[in-house]
C-alpha atoms as a PDB file:
ATOM      1  CA  MET A   1     -31.891  -8.426 -46.910  1.00  0.00           C
ATOM      2  CA  ARG A   2     -33.923 -10.631 -44.858  1.00  0.00           C
ATOM      3  CA  LEU A   3     -31.724 -13.575 -46.104  1.00  0.00           C
ATOM      4  CA  GLN A   4     -28.431 -11.928 -44.918  1.00  0.00           C
ATOM      5  CA  ALA A   5     -30.008 -11.038 -41.537  1.00  0.00           C
ATOM      6  CA  ALA A   6     -31.117 -14.556 -40.804  1.00  0.00           C
ATOM      7  CA  ILE A   7     -28.047 -15.772 -42.362  1.00  0.00           C
ATOM      8  CA  SER A   8     -26.114 -13.552 -39.675  1.00  0.00           C
ATOM      9  CA  LEU A   9     -27.791 -14.527 -36.807  1.00  0.00           C
ATOM     10  CA  LEU A  10     -27.481 -18.272 -37.666  1.00  0.00           C
ATOM     11  CA  HIS A  11     -23.307 -17.313 -37.439  1.00  0.00           C
ATOM     12  CA  LEU A  12     -23.910 -15.384 -34.482  1.00  0.00           C
ATOM     13  CA  SER A  13     -25.733 -18.616 -32.915  1.00  0.00           C
ATOM     14  CA  THR A  14     -22.794 -20.677 -33.246  1.00  0.00           C
ATOM     15  CA  VAL A  15     -21.119 -18.664 -30.250  1.00  0.00           C
ATOM     16  CA  GLU A  16     -22.491 -19.667 -26.901  1.00  0.00           C
ATOM     17  CA  LYS A  17     -22.643 -16.167 -25.797  1.00  0.00           C
ATOM     18  CA  PHE A  18     -24.558 -14.672 -28.237  1.00  0.00           C
ATOM     19  CA  ALA A  19     -26.727 -18.188 -28.701  1.00  0.00           C
ATOM     20  CA  SER A  20     -28.514 -17.087 -25.135  1.00  0.00           C
ATOM     21  CA  ILE A  21     -29.422 -13.576 -26.550  1.00  0.00           C
ATOM     22  CA  ILE A  22     -30.716 -14.930 -29.554  1.00  0.00           C
ATOM     23  CA  SER A  23     -32.698 -17.468 -27.847  1.00  0.00           C
ATOM     24  CA  PRO A  24     -35.642 -15.624 -26.937  1.00  0.00           C
ATOM     25  CA  LYS A  25     -36.213 -14.699 -31.157  1.00  0.00           C
ATOM     26  CA  PHE A  26     -35.623 -17.953 -32.139  1.00  0.00           C
ATOM     27  CA  LEU A  27     -39.035 -18.359 -33.581  1.00  0.00           C
ATOM     28  CA  ARG A  28     -38.934 -15.471 -35.882  1.00  0.00           C
ATOM     29  CA  LEU A  29     -35.526 -16.782 -36.993  1.00  0.00           C
ATOM     30  CA  ALA A  30     -36.905 -20.091 -37.938  1.00  0.00           C
ATOM     31  CA  CYS A  31     -39.782 -18.371 -39.633  1.00  0.00           C
ATOM     32  CA  VAL A  32     -37.435 -17.481 -42.529  1.00  0.00           C
ATOM     33  CA  ILE A  33     -37.867 -20.795 -43.925  1.00  0.00           C
ATOM     34  CA  GLN A  34     -41.291 -19.972 -44.693  1.00  0.00           C
ATOM     35  CA  ASP A  35     -40.281 -16.911 -46.414  1.00  0.00           C
ATOM     36  CA  SER A  36     -42.618 -15.847 -49.531  1.00  0.00           C
ATOM     37  CA  CYS A  37     -39.418 -15.886 -51.630  1.00  0.00           C
ATOM     38  CA  PHE A  38     -38.133 -19.390 -52.859  1.00  0.00           C
ATOM     39  CA  ASN A  39     -34.325 -17.931 -53.137  1.00  0.00           C
ATOM     40  CA  VAL A  40     -34.400 -17.177 -49.615  1.00  0.00           C
ATOM     41  CA  ARG A  41     -35.774 -20.534 -48.253  1.00  0.00           C
ATOM     42  CA  LEU A  42     -33.150 -22.156 -50.314  1.00  0.00           C
ATOM     43  CA  ALA A  43     -30.371 -20.297 -49.521  1.00  0.00           C
ATOM     44  CA  PHE A  44     -31.325 -20.348 -45.536  1.00  0.00           C
ATOM     45  CA  LEU A  45     -31.930 -24.167 -45.514  1.00  0.00           C
ATOM     46  CA  THR A  46     -28.546 -24.668 -47.160  1.00  0.00           C
ATOM     47  CA  LYS A  47     -26.913 -22.778 -44.639  1.00  0.00           C
ATOM     48  CA  VAL A  48     -28.911 -24.163 -41.545  1.00  0.00           C
ATOM     49  CA  ILE A  49     -27.900 -27.690 -43.123  1.00  0.00           C
ATOM     50  CA  ALA A  50     -24.428 -26.809 -43.367  1.00  0.00           C
ATOM     51  CA  LEU A  51     -24.097 -25.537 -39.692  1.00  0.00           C
ATOM     52  CA  LEU A  52     -26.097 -28.366 -38.266  1.00  0.00           C
ATOM     53  CA  GLN A  53     -24.148 -31.204 -39.750  1.00  0.00           C
ATOM     54  CA  PRO A  54     -21.009 -30.376 -37.990  1.00  0.00           C
ATOM     55  CA  ARG A  55     -22.971 -29.494 -34.912  1.00  0.00           C
ATOM     56  CA  LYS A  56     -22.327 -25.724 -34.795  1.00  0.00           C
ATOM     57  CA  LEU A  57     -25.317 -24.665 -33.905  1.00  0.00           C
ATOM     58  CA  PRO A  58     -27.643 -25.658 -30.709  1.00  0.00           C
ATOM     59  CA  PRO A  59     -29.983 -28.729 -30.717  1.00  0.00           C
ATOM     60  CA  ARG A  60     -32.876 -26.605 -30.746  1.00  0.00           C
ATOM     61  CA  PHE A  61     -31.914 -25.376 -34.633  1.00  0.00           C
ATOM     62  CA  ASN A  62     -32.903 -29.079 -35.942  1.00  0.00           C
ATOM     63  CA  VAL A  63     -36.477 -27.976 -35.734  1.00  0.00           C
ATOM     64  CA  ILE A  64     -35.949 -25.611 -38.557  1.00  0.00           C
ATOM     65  CA  PRO A  65     -35.504 -28.532 -41.872  1.00  0.00           C
ATOM     66  CA  PHE A  66     -39.028 -30.048 -40.083  1.00  0.00           C
ATOM     67  CA  LEU A  67     -40.680 -26.804 -41.272  1.00  0.00           C
ATOM     68  CA  THR A  68     -40.385 -27.372 -44.555  1.00  0.00           C
ATOM     69  CA  VAL A  69     -43.015 -29.865 -44.461  1.00  0.00           C
ATOM     70  CA  LEU A  70     -45.818 -27.673 -46.194  1.00  0.00           C
ATOM     71  CA  ASP A  71     -43.299 -26.155 -48.941  1.00  0.00           C
ATOM     72  CA  PRO A  72     -44.981 -25.866 -52.130  1.00  0.00           C
ATOM     73  CA  GLU A  73     -41.270 -26.604 -53.849  1.00  0.00           C
ATOM     74  CA  ALA A  74     -40.108 -30.087 -53.945  1.00  0.00           C
ATOM     75  CA  GLU A  75     -36.727 -29.379 -54.235  1.00  0.00           C
ATOM     76  CA  THR A  76     -36.466 -28.187 -50.664  1.00  0.00           C
ATOM     77  CA  LYS A  77     -38.378 -31.159 -49.197  1.00  0.00           C
ATOM     78  CA  THR A  78     -35.750 -33.219 -51.295  1.00  0.00           C
ATOM     79  CA  MET A  79     -32.889 -31.377 -49.670  1.00  0.00           C
ATOM     80  CA  VAL A  80     -34.269 -31.867 -45.981  1.00  0.00           C
ATOM     81  CA  SER A  81     -34.638 -35.669 -46.587  1.00  0.00           C
END
């Protein structure tokens, strides 16, 4: 449920009107990348990268991949690099 909520907020953030509403809660959304469940972290990171490459998300979302530095799994670190 956490994953689906985070992905839905990512999609809403691609629309400028909704991005300004989500902006105050950006930190809570970004913290999903440090979730305790590996599958949630991986799926969220995959979706963030997929939306960042075509520049659909605002520039502040570029911070999210950098939060994987402390991730215990090597797979997520490799995906980010």
